[in-house]
């Protein structure tokens, strides 16, 4: 399935789940009530709903807020959100307090020093890997 097709399906589902008729005119009206920029046309709404176009991220934000879904889920799907949650959980559970403190300190360093520290860490990792083999 294409990215546009998947987005359209998620948009239609979100509208239905929020209790709205799945219609370009409803989408146009409800979106324009909340959007502070130039209004969209019924044709633009139709394009979003019929696999022809994906709105820009700022418009996805408005759609998501209106439909009460997470913007990243509306734009990219539930699988992406779950993947991000797993990565975040692994990051949070995989380090103790001292390691987090070290990473925070690392992030405060100027870019040239961060680059140097990164190279040192990668060198240590390569040496360790070679010894393990």
N, C-alpha and C. Protein backbone atom coordinates (compact mmCIF):
# COMPACT_ATOMS: atom_id res chain seq x y z
N UNK A 1 0.84 -1.18 0.00
CA UNK A 1 0.00 0.00 0.00
C UNK A 1 0.89 1.25 0.00
N UNK A 2 0.48 2.27 -0.70
CA UNK A 2 1.28 3.48 -0.78
C UNK A 2 1.10 4.34 0.47
N UNK A 3 2.04 5.23 0.67
CA UNK A 3 1.98 6.14 1.82
C UNK A 3 0.71 6.98 1.79
N UNK A 4 0.33 7.46 0.61
CA UNK A 4 -0.88 8.27 0.48
C UNK A 4 -2.13 7.45 0.79
N UNK A 5 -2.16 6.22 0.33
CA UNK A 5 -3.30 5.35 0.59
C UNK A 5 -3.43 5.06 2.08
N UNK A 6 -2.31 4.80 2.71
CA UNK A 6 -2.33 4.51 4.15
C UNK A 6 -2.76 5.74 4.95
N UNK A 7 -2.25 6.93 4.56
CA UNK A 7 -2.67 8.14 5.25
C UNK A 7 -4.17 8.35 5.10
N UNK A 8 -4.68 8.21 3.88
CA UNK A 8 -6.11 8.41 3.63
C UNK A 8 -6.95 7.47 4.48
N UNK A 9 -6.52 6.22 4.58
CA UNK A 9 -7.26 5.25 5.40
C UNK A 9 -7.26 5.66 6.87
N UNK A 10 -6.10 6.12 7.36
CA UNK A 10 -6.05 6.56 8.77
C UNK A 10 -6.91 7.79 9.00
N UNK A 11 -6.91 8.73 8.04
CA UNK A 11 -7.73 9.92 8.17
C UNK A 11 -9.21 9.56 8.19
N UNK A 12 -9.63 8.71 7.28
CA UNK A 12 -11.03 8.29 7.22
C UNK A 12 -11.44 7.59 8.53
N UNK A 13 -10.58 6.71 8.99
CA UNK A 13 -10.86 5.98 10.23
C UNK A 13 -10.96 6.95 11.41
N UNK A 14 -10.05 7.91 11.49
CA UNK A 14 -10.06 8.88 12.60
C UNK A 14 -11.32 9.72 12.57
N UNK A 15 -11.76 10.13 11.38
CA UNK A 15 -12.99 10.90 11.28
C UNK A 15 -14.18 10.09 11.77
N UNK A 16 -14.23 8.85 11.32
CA UNK A 16 -15.34 7.98 11.72
C UNK A 16 -15.30 7.73 13.22
N UNK A 17 -14.13 7.45 13.77
CA UNK A 17 -13.99 7.18 15.20
C UNK A 17 -14.35 8.40 16.04
N UNK A 18 -14.15 9.59 15.49
CA UNK A 18 -14.49 10.82 16.21
C UNK A 18 -15.96 11.20 16.04
N UNK A 19 -16.69 10.41 15.27
CA UNK A 19 -18.13 10.65 15.12
C UNK A 19 -18.52 11.58 13.98
N UNK A 20 -17.61 11.78 13.04
CA UNK A 20 -17.90 12.65 11.90
C UNK A 20 -18.18 11.81 10.65
N UNK A 21 -19.01 12.37 9.78
CA UNK A 21 -19.24 11.73 8.49
C UNK A 21 -17.94 11.78 7.70
N UNK A 22 -17.63 10.70 7.02
CA UNK A 22 -16.41 10.63 6.23
C UNK A 22 -16.71 11.27 4.88
N UNK A 23 -16.51 12.58 4.84
CA UNK A 23 -16.89 13.36 3.68
C UNK A 23 -15.91 14.51 3.48
N UNK A 24 -15.52 14.79 2.24
CA UNK A 24 -14.62 15.92 2.00
C UNK A 24 -15.20 17.25 2.45
N UNK A 25 -16.52 17.43 2.31
CA UNK A 25 -17.11 18.70 2.74
C UNK A 25 -17.06 18.86 4.25
N UNK A 26 -17.28 17.77 4.97
CA UNK A 26 -17.17 17.81 6.43
C UNK A 26 -15.72 18.10 6.82
N UNK A 27 -14.79 17.42 6.18
CA UNK A 27 -13.37 17.63 6.47
C UNK A 27 -12.98 19.08 6.18
N UNK A 28 -13.37 19.59 5.04
CA UNK A 28 -13.05 20.98 4.69
C UNK A 28 -13.60 21.94 5.75
N UNK A 29 -14.87 21.78 6.10
CA UNK A 29 -15.51 22.69 7.05
C UNK A 29 -14.84 22.62 8.42
N UNK A 30 -14.68 21.42 8.96
CA UNK A 30 -14.11 21.26 10.31
C UNK A 30 -12.64 21.70 10.36
N UNK A 31 -11.90 21.39 9.31
CA UNK A 31 -10.49 21.80 9.27
C UNK A 31 -10.39 23.32 9.24
N UNK A 32 -11.15 23.96 8.36
CA UNK A 32 -11.07 25.41 8.21
C UNK A 32 -11.51 26.16 9.46
N UNK A 33 -12.38 25.56 10.29
CA UNK A 33 -12.76 26.17 11.56
C UNK A 33 -11.55 26.30 12.50
N UNK A 34 -10.61 25.38 12.36
CA UNK A 34 -9.49 25.29 13.28
C UNK A 34 -8.17 25.83 12.71
N UNK A 35 -8.11 25.98 11.42
CA UNK A 35 -6.88 26.39 10.72
C UNK A 35 -6.84 27.90 10.62
N UNK A 36 -5.74 28.50 10.99
CA UNK A 36 -5.63 29.96 10.97
C UNK A 36 -4.95 30.49 9.71
N UNK A 37 -4.60 29.60 8.83
CA UNK A 37 -4.00 30.02 7.57
C UNK A 37 -5.06 30.14 6.49
N UNK A 38 -4.60 30.10 5.26
CA UNK A 38 -5.51 30.16 4.12
C UNK A 38 -6.37 28.90 4.11
N UNK A 39 -7.66 29.07 3.92
CA UNK A 39 -8.60 27.94 3.95
C UNK A 39 -8.25 26.92 2.87
N UNK A 40 -8.57 25.66 3.16
CA UNK A 40 -8.41 24.63 2.14
C UNK A 40 -9.72 24.51 1.38
N UNK A 41 -9.63 23.96 0.20
CA UNK A 41 -10.81 23.74 -0.64
C UNK A 41 -11.36 22.34 -0.40
N UNK A 42 -12.57 22.13 -0.88
CA UNK A 42 -13.15 20.78 -0.84
C UNK A 42 -12.28 19.82 -1.65
N UNK A 43 -11.70 20.33 -2.74
CA UNK A 43 -10.82 19.50 -3.57
C UNK A 43 -9.59 19.04 -2.79
N UNK A 44 -9.01 19.93 -1.98
CA UNK A 44 -7.85 19.54 -1.16
C UNK A 44 -8.26 18.48 -0.15
N UNK A 45 -9.41 18.68 0.50
CA UNK A 45 -9.90 17.69 1.45
C UNK A 45 -10.15 16.36 0.75
N UNK A 46 -10.73 16.42 -0.44
CA UNK A 46 -10.97 15.21 -1.22
C UNK A 46 -9.65 14.50 -1.52
N UNK A 47 -8.63 15.27 -1.87
CA UNK A 47 -7.32 14.69 -2.19
C UNK A 47 -6.72 13.98 -0.98
N UNK A 48 -6.88 14.56 0.20
CA UNK A 48 -6.37 13.93 1.42
C UNK A 48 -7.10 12.62 1.69
N UNK A 49 -8.39 12.60 1.40
CA UNK A 49 -9.21 11.44 1.73
C UNK A 49 -9.17 10.34 0.66
N UNK A 50 -8.64 10.67 -0.52
CA UNK A 50 -8.70 9.72 -1.64
C UNK A 50 -7.34 9.41 -2.24
N UNK A 51 -6.34 9.28 -1.40
CA UNK A 51 -5.03 8.76 -1.81
C UNK A 51 -4.28 9.63 -2.80
N UNK A 52 -4.61 10.91 -2.86
CA UNK A 52 -3.96 11.79 -3.84
C UNK A 52 -2.91 12.71 -3.23
N UNK A 53 -3.05 13.03 -1.93
CA UNK A 53 -2.11 13.97 -1.32
C UNK A 53 -2.08 13.76 0.19
N UNK A 54 -0.97 14.16 0.78
CA UNK A 54 -0.81 14.16 2.23
C UNK A 54 -0.59 15.61 2.63
N UNK A 55 -1.34 16.10 3.62
CA UNK A 55 -1.16 17.49 4.02
C UNK A 55 0.21 17.72 4.66
N UNK A 56 0.62 18.97 4.69
CA UNK A 56 1.88 19.32 5.35
C UNK A 56 1.75 19.05 6.84
N UNK A 57 2.90 18.97 7.51
CA UNK A 57 2.91 18.60 8.92
C UNK A 57 2.10 19.56 9.78
N UNK A 58 2.13 20.85 9.49
CA UNK A 58 1.35 21.79 10.30
C UNK A 58 -0.15 21.53 10.16
N UNK A 59 -0.57 21.09 8.99
CA UNK A 59 -1.98 20.75 8.79
C UNK A 59 -2.31 19.40 9.45
N UNK A 60 -1.38 18.48 9.42
CA UNK A 60 -1.58 17.20 10.12
C UNK A 60 -1.77 17.45 11.61
N UNK A 61 -1.02 18.40 12.16
CA UNK A 61 -1.15 18.75 13.58
C UNK A 61 -2.58 19.19 13.89
N UNK A 62 -3.13 20.05 13.03
CA UNK A 62 -4.50 20.54 13.23
C UNK A 62 -5.50 19.40 13.11
N UNK A 63 -5.32 18.56 12.10
CA UNK A 63 -6.21 17.41 11.93
C UNK A 63 -6.17 16.50 13.16
N UNK A 64 -4.97 16.24 13.63
CA UNK A 64 -4.81 15.34 14.78
C UNK A 64 -5.45 15.91 16.04
N UNK A 65 -5.27 17.19 16.25
CA UNK A 65 -5.88 17.82 17.43
C UNK A 65 -7.40 17.75 17.33
N UNK A 66 -7.93 18.07 16.16
CA UNK A 66 -9.37 18.01 15.95
C UNK A 66 -9.91 16.60 16.18
N UNK A 67 -9.23 15.60 15.61
CA UNK A 67 -9.72 14.22 15.67
C UNK A 67 -9.26 13.46 16.91
N UNK A 68 -8.48 14.14 17.75
CA UNK A 68 -8.02 13.58 19.02
C UNK A 68 -7.21 12.29 18.83
N UNK A 69 -6.25 12.38 17.90
CA UNK A 69 -5.28 11.30 17.69
C UNK A 69 -3.89 11.92 17.74
N UNK A 70 -2.90 11.10 17.97
CA UNK A 70 -1.53 11.60 17.98
C UNK A 70 -1.12 11.94 16.54
N UNK A 71 -0.48 13.10 16.35
CA UNK A 71 -0.11 13.50 14.99
C UNK A 71 0.74 12.47 14.27
N UNK A 72 1.71 11.86 14.98
CA UNK A 72 2.57 10.88 14.32
C UNK A 72 1.80 9.62 13.93
N UNK A 73 0.77 9.28 14.69
CA UNK A 73 -0.05 8.12 14.35
C UNK A 73 -0.88 8.42 13.11
N UNK A 74 -1.46 9.62 13.07
CA UNK A 74 -2.25 9.99 11.89
C UNK A 74 -1.36 10.02 10.65
N UNK A 75 -0.18 10.58 10.77
CA UNK A 75 0.70 10.74 9.61
C UNK A 75 1.39 9.43 9.21
N UNK A 76 1.90 8.69 10.20
CA UNK A 76 2.75 7.54 9.87
C UNK A 76 2.19 6.19 10.30
N UNK A 77 1.18 6.17 11.15
CA UNK A 77 0.57 4.91 11.56
C UNK A 77 0.99 4.46 12.93
N UNK A 78 0.24 3.56 13.46
CA UNK A 78 0.45 3.03 14.82
C UNK A 78 1.77 2.28 14.94
N UNK A 79 2.18 1.58 13.91
CA UNK A 79 3.42 0.80 13.98
C UNK A 79 4.62 1.69 14.25
N UNK A 80 4.64 2.88 13.67
CA UNK A 80 5.76 3.80 13.90
C UNK A 80 5.77 4.26 15.35
N UNK A 81 4.59 4.57 15.88
CA UNK A 81 4.50 5.00 17.28
C UNK A 81 4.99 3.89 18.20
N UNK A 82 4.58 2.68 17.95
CA UNK A 82 5.01 1.55 18.78
C UNK A 82 6.51 1.33 18.69
N UNK A 83 7.06 1.47 17.50
CA UNK A 83 8.50 1.33 17.31
C UNK A 83 9.26 2.39 18.11
N UNK A 84 8.77 3.62 18.04
CA UNK A 84 9.41 4.70 18.81
C UNK A 84 9.31 4.46 20.31
N UNK A 85 8.17 3.96 20.75
CA UNK A 85 8.01 3.67 22.18
C UNK A 85 8.98 2.58 22.62
N UNK A 86 9.16 1.56 21.80
CA UNK A 86 10.09 0.48 22.14
C UNK A 86 11.52 1.00 22.23
N UNK A 87 11.89 1.84 21.28
CA UNK A 87 13.24 2.42 21.30
C UNK A 87 13.44 3.28 22.54
N UNK A 88 12.44 4.10 22.86
CA UNK A 88 12.53 4.97 24.04
C UNK A 88 12.60 4.13 25.32
N UNK A 89 11.80 3.08 25.38
CA UNK A 89 11.80 2.20 26.55
C UNK A 89 13.15 1.52 26.70
N UNK A 90 13.69 1.04 25.60
CA UNK A 90 15.00 0.39 25.64
C UNK A 90 16.06 1.39 26.11
N UNK A 91 15.98 2.62 25.63
CA UNK A 91 16.93 3.66 26.03
C UNK A 91 16.81 3.93 27.52
N UNK A 92 15.56 4.08 28.01
CA UNK A 92 15.35 4.42 29.42
C UNK A 92 15.71 3.26 30.35
N UNK A 93 15.38 2.04 29.94
CA UNK A 93 15.65 0.89 30.80
C UNK A 93 17.09 0.39 30.67
N UNK A 94 17.73 0.71 29.58
CA UNK A 94 19.07 0.19 29.31
C UNK A 94 20.19 0.95 29.96
N UNK A 95 19.88 2.08 30.59
CA UNK A 95 20.93 2.88 31.22
C UNK A 95 20.57 3.17 32.67
N UNK A 96 21.61 3.18 33.49
CA UNK A 96 21.39 3.55 34.88
C UNK A 96 21.57 5.06 35.02
N UNK A 97 21.43 5.53 36.25
CA UNK A 97 21.51 6.97 36.51
C UNK A 97 22.86 7.57 36.08
N UNK A 98 23.95 6.89 36.38
CA UNK A 98 25.27 7.42 36.04
C UNK A 98 25.47 7.51 34.52
N UNK A 99 24.96 6.53 33.81
CA UNK A 99 25.08 6.55 32.35
C UNK A 99 24.24 7.69 31.75
N UNK A 100 23.04 7.91 32.29
CA UNK A 100 22.22 9.03 31.81
C UNK A 100 22.89 10.36 32.10
N UNK A 101 23.48 10.46 33.27
CA UNK A 101 24.20 11.68 33.64
C UNK A 101 25.36 11.93 32.68
N UNK A 102 26.06 10.85 32.31
CA UNK A 102 27.18 10.97 31.38
C UNK A 102 26.68 11.44 30.00
N UNK A 103 25.59 10.88 29.54
CA UNK A 103 25.03 11.30 28.25
C UNK A 103 24.60 12.76 28.31
N UNK A 104 23.95 13.16 29.39
CA UNK A 104 23.54 14.57 29.53
C UNK A 104 24.76 15.50 29.49
N UNK A 105 25.82 15.11 30.17
CA UNK A 105 27.04 15.92 30.18
C UNK A 105 27.65 15.97 28.78
N UNK A 106 27.67 14.83 28.12
CA UNK A 106 28.17 14.76 26.75
C UNK A 106 27.43 15.74 25.85
N UNK A 107 26.11 15.79 25.97
CA UNK A 107 25.29 16.66 25.12
C UNK A 107 25.54 18.14 25.38
N UNK A 108 26.10 18.46 26.52
CA UNK A 108 26.41 19.85 26.85
C UNK A 108 27.75 20.30 26.27
N UNK A 109 28.55 19.36 25.81
CA UNK A 109 29.85 19.71 25.24
C UNK A 109 29.68 20.38 23.87
N UNK A 110 30.65 21.21 23.48
CA UNK A 110 30.63 21.78 22.11
C UNK A 110 30.80 20.65 21.08
N UNK A 111 30.31 20.89 19.88
CA UNK A 111 30.33 19.87 18.82
C UNK A 111 31.71 19.25 18.58
N UNK A 112 32.81 20.00 18.54
CA UNK A 112 34.11 19.36 18.28
C UNK A 112 34.49 18.35 19.38
N UNK A 113 34.17 18.69 20.62
CA UNK A 113 34.49 17.77 21.72
C UNK A 113 33.59 16.53 21.67
N UNK A 114 32.32 16.72 21.30
CA UNK A 114 31.42 15.56 21.17
C UNK A 114 31.93 14.62 20.08
N UNK A 115 32.41 15.21 18.98
CA UNK A 115 32.94 14.39 17.88
C UNK A 115 34.14 13.58 18.36
N UNK A 116 35.03 14.20 19.10
CA UNK A 116 36.21 13.51 19.62
C UNK A 116 35.82 12.37 20.56
N UNK A 117 34.90 12.64 21.49
CA UNK A 117 34.45 11.62 22.43
C UNK A 117 33.78 10.47 21.68
N UNK A 118 33.00 10.78 20.68
CA UNK A 118 32.35 9.74 19.88
C UNK A 118 33.39 8.84 19.22
N UNK A 119 34.42 9.45 18.65
CA UNK A 119 35.48 8.67 18.00
C UNK A 119 36.20 7.78 19.01
N UNK A 120 36.43 8.28 20.22
CA UNK A 120 37.08 7.47 21.26
C UNK A 120 36.19 6.27 21.61
N UNK A 121 34.91 6.51 21.79
CA UNK A 121 33.98 5.43 22.13
C UNK A 121 33.93 4.40 21.02
N UNK A 122 33.85 4.85 19.76
CA UNK A 122 33.81 3.90 18.64
C UNK A 122 35.10 3.09 18.54
N UNK A 123 36.22 3.70 18.85
CA UNK A 123 37.49 2.99 18.84
C UNK A 123 37.50 1.91 19.93
N UNK A 124 37.07 2.28 21.13
CA UNK A 124 36.98 1.29 22.21
C UNK A 124 36.05 0.14 21.81
N UNK A 125 34.92 0.46 21.19
CA UNK A 125 33.97 -0.58 20.78
C UNK A 125 34.58 -1.51 19.74
N UNK A 126 35.34 -0.97 18.79
CA UNK A 126 35.98 -1.80 17.78
C UNK A 126 37.01 -2.73 18.41
N UNK A 127 37.81 -2.19 19.33
CA UNK A 127 38.84 -3.00 20.01
C UNK A 127 38.17 -4.11 20.81
N UNK A 128 37.11 -3.77 21.51
CA UNK A 128 36.39 -4.76 22.32
C UNK A 128 35.80 -5.86 21.43
N UNK A 129 35.25 -5.44 20.30
CA UNK A 129 34.64 -6.42 19.38
C UNK A 129 35.72 -7.34 18.81
N UNK A 130 36.87 -6.79 18.46
CA UNK A 130 37.97 -7.60 17.91
C UNK A 130 38.46 -8.61 18.94
N UNK A 131 38.55 -8.20 20.23
CA UNK A 131 38.98 -9.11 21.27
C UNK A 131 37.96 -10.19 21.55
N UNK A 132 36.68 -9.86 21.39
CA UNK A 132 35.61 -10.83 21.65
C UNK A 132 35.55 -11.89 20.57
N UNK A 133 36.03 -11.58 19.38
CA UNK A 133 35.95 -12.53 18.25
C UNK A 133 37.06 -13.47 18.35
